[in-house]
Amino acid sequence: MSQTTLPARVCRDCDGFATVHITTGTLTADGQRRTLPATCLACQGTGTRTAPASLARAGK
């Protein structure tokens, strides 16, 4: 019997890359590049989305 796997809950806004570092173009005194971290606002840096809400039928 085959098992089905659920689709990954990857954030649709950042595609799972929740935190990135953007280079500013300047260098530090020791020659390293200065970077600014940017975090996805939709998933708050987790890279995943919440599980979709379930619909419940009630009545006839």
PDB file of N, CA and C in Angstrom:
ATOM      1  N   MET A   1       0.831  -1.160   0.000  1.00  0.00           N
ATOM      2  CA  MET A   1       0.000   0.000   0.000  1.00  0.00           C
ATOM      3  C   MET A   1       0.891   1.244   0.000  1.00  0.00           C
ATOM      4  N   SER A   2       0.664   2.130  -0.937  1.00  0.00           N
ATOM      5  CA  SER A   2       1.513   3.315  -1.021  1.00  0.00           C
ATOM      6  C   SER A   2       1.032   4.386  -0.048  1.00  0.00           C
ATOM      7  N   GLN A   3       1.977   5.171   0.416  1.00  0.00           N
ATOM      8  CA  GLN A   3       1.645   6.253   1.329  1.00  0.00           C
ATOM      9  C   GLN A   3       1.733   7.573   0.585  1.00  0.00           C
ATOM     10  N   THR A   4       0.783   8.406   0.836  1.00  0.00           N
ATOM     11  CA  THR A   4       0.822   9.724   0.213  1.00  0.00           C
ATOM     12  C   THR A   4       1.455  10.708   1.182  1.00  0.00           C
ATOM     13  N   THR A   5       2.212  11.616   0.636  1.00  0.00           N
ATOM     14  CA  THR A   5       2.833  12.643   1.466  1.00  0.00           C
ATOM     15  C   THR A   5       2.093  13.953   1.256  1.00  0.00           C
ATOM     16  N   LEU A   6       1.961  14.701   2.307  1.00  0.00           N
ATOM     17  CA  LEU A   6       1.312  15.995   2.217  1.00  0.00           C
ATOM     18  C   LEU A   6       2.252  16.988   1.543  1.00  0.00           C
ATOM     19  N   PRO A   7       1.712  17.945   0.815  1.00  0.00           N
ATOM     20  CA  PRO A   7       2.581  18.948   0.203  1.00  0.00           C
ATOM     21  C   PRO A   7       3.269  19.789   1.274  1.00  0.00           C
ATOM     22  N   ALA A   8       4.446  20.252   0.949  1.00  0.00           N
ATOM     23  CA  ALA A   8       5.212  21.059   1.901  1.00  0.00           C
ATOM     24  C   ALA A   8       4.483  22.369   2.176  1.00  0.00           C
ATOM     25  N   ARG A   9       4.574  22.827   3.408  1.00  0.00           N
ATOM     26  CA  ARG A   9       3.913  24.071   3.792  1.00  0.00           C
ATOM     27  C   ARG A   9       4.887  25.236   3.630  1.00  0.00           C
ATOM     28  N   VAL A  10       5.357  25.466   2.433  1.00  0.00           N
ATOM     29  CA  VAL A  10       6.327  26.523   2.163  1.00  0.00           C
ATOM     30  C   VAL A  10       5.586  27.846   1.999  1.00  0.00           C
ATOM     31  N   CYS A  11       6.125  28.876   2.574  1.00  0.00           N
ATOM     32  CA  CYS A  11       5.528  30.210   2.484  1.00  0.00           C
ATOM     33  C   CYS A  11       5.479  30.645   1.022  1.00  0.00           C
ATOM     34  N   ARG A  12       4.332  31.139   0.584  1.00  0.00           N
ATOM     35  CA  ARG A  12       4.193  31.533  -0.820  1.00  0.00           C
ATOM     36  C   ARG A  12       4.849  32.872  -1.118  1.00  0.00           C
ATOM     37  N   ASP A  13       5.119  33.667  -0.093  1.00  0.00           N
ATOM     38  CA  ASP A  13       5.737  34.968  -0.314  1.00  0.00           C
ATOM     39  C   ASP A  13       7.252  34.885  -0.461  1.00  0.00           C
ATOM     40  N   CYS A  14       7.889  33.992   0.306  1.00  0.00           N
ATOM     41  CA  CYS A  14       9.357  33.924   0.271  1.00  0.00           C
ATOM     42  C   CYS A  14       9.877  32.597  -0.287  1.00  0.00           C
ATOM     43  N   ASP A  15       8.997  31.670  -0.639  1.00  0.00           N
ATOM     44  CA  ASP A  15       9.371  30.353  -1.178  1.00  0.00           C
ATOM     45  C   ASP A  15      10.295  29.576  -0.252  1.00  0.00           C
ATOM     46  N   GLY A  16      10.172  29.782   1.045  1.00  0.00           N
ATOM     47  CA  GLY A  16      10.968  29.041   2.013  1.00  0.00           C
ATOM     48  C   GLY A  16      12.275  29.708   2.404  1.00  0.00           C
ATOM     49  N   PHE A  17      12.651  30.775   1.702  1.00  0.00           N
ATOM     50  CA  PHE A  17      13.866  31.520   2.051  1.00  0.00           C
ATOM     51  C   PHE A  17      13.444  32.686   2.941  1.00  0.00           C
ATOM     52  N   ALA A  18      13.224  32.404   4.219  1.00  0.00           N
ATOM     53  CA  ALA A  18      12.592  33.364   5.121  1.00  0.00           C
ATOM     54  C   ALA A  18      13.493  34.526   5.509  1.00  0.00           C
ATOM     55  N   THR A  19      14.776  34.313   5.599  1.00  0.00           N
ATOM     56  CA  THR A  19      15.705  35.381   5.969  1.00  0.00           C
ATOM     57  C   THR A  19      16.821  35.439   4.936  1.00  0.00           C
ATOM     58  N   VAL A  20      17.066  36.617   4.436  1.00  0.00           N
ATOM     59  CA  VAL A  20      18.141  36.817   3.459  1.00  0.00           C
ATOM     60  C   VAL A  20      19.017  37.967   3.943  1.00  0.00           C
ATOM     61  N   HIS A  21      20.221  38.037   3.418  1.00  0.00           N
ATOM     62  CA  HIS A  21      21.126  39.145   3.723  1.00  0.00           C
ATOM     63  C   HIS A  21      21.410  39.881   2.420  1.00  0.00           C
ATOM     64  N   ILE A  22      21.196  41.172   2.439  1.00  0.00           N
ATOM     65  CA  ILE A  22      21.371  42.011   1.263  1.00  0.00           C
ATOM     66  C   ILE A  22      22.658  42.804   1.443  1.00  0.00           C
ATOM     67  N   THR A  23      23.529  42.771   0.426  1.00  0.00           N
ATOM     68  CA  THR A  23      24.779  43.522   0.527  1.00  0.00           C
ATOM     69  C   THR A  23      24.511  44.996   0.252  1.00  0.00           C
ATOM     70  N   THR A  24      25.195  45.854   0.997  1.00  0.00           N
ATOM     71  CA  THR A  24      25.022  47.295   0.831  1.00  0.00           C
ATOM     72  C   THR A  24      26.010  47.875  -0.169  1.00  0.00           C
ATOM     73  N   GLY A  25      27.018  47.111  -0.528  1.00  0.00           N
ATOM     74  CA  GLY A  25      28.018  47.600  -1.464  1.00  0.00           C
ATOM     75  C   GLY A  25      29.237  48.199  -0.789  1.00  0.00           C
ATOM     76  N   THR A  26      29.181  48.384   0.513  1.00  0.00           N
ATOM     77  CA  THR A  26      30.330  48.941   1.232  1.00  0.00           C
ATOM     78  C   THR A  26      31.100  47.819   1.908  1.00  0.00           C
ATOM     79  N   LEU A  27      32.329  48.122   2.279  1.00  0.00           N
ATOM     80  CA  LEU A  27      33.189  47.152   2.940  1.00  0.00           C
ATOM     81  C   LEU A  27      33.508  47.616   4.354  1.00  0.00           C
ATOM     82  N   THR A  28      33.727  46.656   5.237  1.00  0.00           N
ATOM     83  CA  THR A  28      34.170  46.981   6.591  1.00  0.00           C
ATOM     84  C   THR A  28      35.672  47.246   6.557  1.00  0.00           C
ATOM     85  N   ALA A  29      36.226  47.619   7.691  1.00  0.00           N
ATOM     86  CA  ALA A  29      37.662  47.925   7.762  1.00  0.00           C
ATOM     87  C   ALA A  29      38.518  46.702   7.444  1.00  0.00           C
ATOM     88  N   ASP A  30      38.015  45.497   7.758  1.00  0.00           N
ATOM     89  CA  ASP A  30      38.802  44.294   7.484  1.00  0.00           C
ATOM     90  C   ASP A  30      38.475  43.665   6.131  1.00  0.00           C
ATOM     91  N   GLY A  31      37.693  44.346   5.286  1.00  0.00           N
ATOM     92  CA  GLY A  31      37.457  43.886   3.924  1.00  0.00           C
ATOM     93  C   GLY A  31      36.210  43.050   3.714  1.00  0.00           C
ATOM     94  N   GLN A  32      35.425  42.839   4.742  1.00  0.00           N
ATOM     95  CA  GLN A  32      34.185  42.074   4.573  1.00  0.00           C
ATOM     96  C   GLN A  32      33.067  42.992   4.099  1.00  0.00           C
ATOM     97  N   ARG A  33      32.106  42.409   3.385  1.00  0.00           N
ATOM     98  CA  ARG A  33      30.978  43.199   2.898  1.00  0.00           C
ATOM     99  C   ARG A  33      29.966  43.438   4.009  1.00  0.00           C
ATOM    100  N   ARG A  34      29.425  44.650   4.026  1.00  0.00           N
ATOM    101  CA  ARG A  34      28.351  44.955   4.979  1.00  0.00           C
ATOM    102  C   ARG A  34      27.041  44.411   4.416  1.00  0.00           C
ATOM    103  N   THR A  35      26.268  43.764   5.270  1.00  0.00           N
ATOM    104  CA  THR A  35      24.991  43.195   4.844  1.00  0.00           C
ATOM    105  C   THR A  35      23.882  43.625   5.792  1.00  0.00           C
ATOM    106  N   LEU A  36      22.673  43.621   5.270  1.00  0.00           N
ATOM    107  CA  LEU A  36      21.483  43.906   6.064  1.00  0.00           C
ATOM    108  C   LEU A  36      20.580  42.681   6.016  1.00  0.00           C
ATOM    109  N   PRO A  37      20.147  42.171   7.171  1.00  0.00           N
ATOM    110  CA  PRO A  37      19.223  41.034   7.148  1.00  0.00           C
ATOM    111  C   PRO A  37      17.806  41.510   6.824  1.00  0.00           C
ATOM    112  N   ALA A  38      17.093  40.726   6.042  1.00  0.00           N
ATOM    113  CA  ALA A  38      15.691  41.005   5.721  1.00  0.00           C
ATOM    114  C   ALA A  38      14.892  39.737   5.987  1.00  0.00           C
ATOM    115  N   THR A  39      13.833  39.874   6.770  1.00  0.00           N
ATOM    116  CA  THR A  39      13.005  38.738   7.158  1.00  0.00           C
ATOM    117  C   THR A  39      11.641  38.855   6.494  1.00  0.00           C
ATOM    118  N   CYS A  40      11.104  37.732   6.054  1.00  0.00           N
ATOM    119  CA  CYS A  40       9.784  37.695   5.423  1.00  0.00           C
ATOM    120  C   CYS A  40       8.728  38.126   6.438  1.00  0.00           C
ATOM    121  N   LEU A  41       7.901  39.084   6.060  1.00  0.00           N
ATOM    122  CA  LEU A  41       6.862  39.573   6.962  1.00  0.00           C
ATOM    123  C   LEU A  41       5.667  38.629   7.028  1.00  0.00           C
ATOM    124  N   ALA A  42       5.449  37.860   5.970  1.00  0.00           N
ATOM    125  CA  ALA A  42       4.280  36.974   5.941  1.00  0.00           C
ATOM    126  C   ALA A  42       4.426  35.800   6.902  1.00  0.00           C
ATOM    127  N   CYS A  43       5.614  35.211   6.982  1.00  0.00           N
ATOM    128  CA  CYS A  43       5.803  34.023   7.832  1.00  0.00           C
ATOM    129  C   CYS A  43       6.654  34.323   9.066  1.00  0.00           C
ATOM    130  N   GLN A  44       7.038  35.572   9.275  1.00  0.00           N
ATOM    131  CA  GLN A  44       7.861  36.002  10.409  1.00  0.00           C
ATOM    132  C   GLN A  44       9.181  35.242  10.501  1.00  0.00           C
ATOM    133  N   GLY A  45       9.751  34.891   9.358  1.00  0.00           N
ATOM    134  CA  GLY A  45      11.062  34.266   9.341  1.00  0.00           C
ATOM    135  C   GLY A  45      11.084  32.767   9.536  1.00  0.00           C
ATOM    136  N   THR A  46       9.946  32.095   9.473  1.00  0.00           N
ATOM    137  CA  THR A  46       9.942  30.645   9.656  1.00  0.00           C
ATOM    138  C   THR A  46      10.083  29.896   8.337  1.00  0.00           C
ATOM    139  N   GLY A  47       9.645  30.486   7.230  1.00  0.00           N
ATOM    140  CA  GLY A  47       9.723  29.825   5.930  1.00  0.00           C
ATOM    141  C   GLY A  47       8.561  28.899   5.642  1.00  0.00           C
ATOM    142  N   THR A  48       7.671  28.733   6.609  1.00  0.00           N
ATOM    143  CA  THR A  48       6.504  27.872   6.405  1.00  0.00           C
ATOM    144  C   THR A  48       5.231  28.679   6.625  1.00  0.00           C
ATOM    145  N   ARG A  49       4.151  28.155   6.119  1.00  0.00           N
ATOM    146  CA  ARG A  49       2.863  28.813   6.320  1.00  0.00           C
ATOM    147  C   ARG A  49       2.034  27.989   7.286  1.00  0.00           C
ATOM    148  N   THR A  50       0.989  28.576   7.791  1.00  0.00           N
ATOM    149  CA  THR A  50       0.122  27.847   8.706  1.00  0.00           C
ATOM    150  C   THR A  50      -0.715  26.844   7.929  1.00  0.00           C
ATOM    151  N   ALA A  51      -1.182  25.842   8.611  1.00  0.00           N
ATOM    152  CA  ALA A  51      -2.026  24.836   7.970  1.00  0.00           C
ATOM    153  C   ALA A  51      -3.337  25.487   7.539  1.00  0.00           C
ATOM    154  N   PRO A  52      -3.845  25.109   6.371  1.00  0.00           N
ATOM    155  CA  PRO A  52      -5.097  25.708   5.913  1.00  0.00           C
ATOM    156  C   PRO A  52      -6.252  25.347   6.839  1.00  0.00           C
ATOM    157  N   ALA A  53      -7.170  26.261   6.963  1.00  0.00           N
ATOM    158  CA  ALA A  53      -8.329  26.028   7.822  1.00  0.00           C
ATOM    159  C   ALA A  53      -9.229  24.965   7.204  1.00  0.00           C
ATOM    160  N   SER A  54      -9.824  24.158   8.032  1.00  0.00           N
ATOM    161  CA  SER A  54     -10.728  23.110   7.567  1.00  0.00           C
ATOM    162  C   SER A  54     -12.152  23.639   7.554  1.00  0.00           C
ATOM    163  N   LEU A  55     -12.912  23.185   6.582  1.00  0.00           N
ATOM    164  CA  LEU A  55     -14.318  23.539   6.518  1.00  0.00           C
ATOM    165  C   LEU A  55     -15.133  22.425   7.145  1.00  0.00           C
ATOM    166  N   ALA A  56     -16.091  22.789   7.943  1.00  0.00           N
ATOM    167  CA  ALA A  56     -16.954  21.796   8.584  1.00  0.00           C
ATOM    168  C   ALA A  56     -18.376  21.996   8.087  1.00  0.00           C
ATOM    169  N   ARG A  57     -19.004  20.915   7.668  1.00  0.00           N
ATOM    170  CA  ARG A  57     -20.397  20.984   7.230  1.00  0.00           C
ATOM    171  C   ARG A  57     -21.300  20.739   8.419  1.00  0.00           C
ATOM    172  N   ALA A  58     -22.306  21.559   8.519  1.00  0.00           N
ATOM    173  CA  ALA A  58     -23.279  21.394   9.596  1.00  0.00           C
ATOM    174  C   ALA A  58     -24.679  21.462   8.997  1.00  0.00           C
ATOM    175  N   GLY A  59     -25.566  20.732   9.546  1.00  0.00           N
ATOM    176  CA  GLY A  59     -26.941  20.753   9.059  1.00  0.00           C
ATOM    177  C   GLY A  59     -27.179  19.701   7.997  1.00  0.00           C
ATOM    178  N   LYS A  60     -28.226  19.938   7.227  1.00  0.00           N
ATOM    179  CA  LYS A  60     -28.620  18.950   6.212  1.00  0.00           C
ATOM    180  C   LYS A  60     -27.766  19.027   4.993  1.00  0.00           C
TER     181      LYS A  60
END
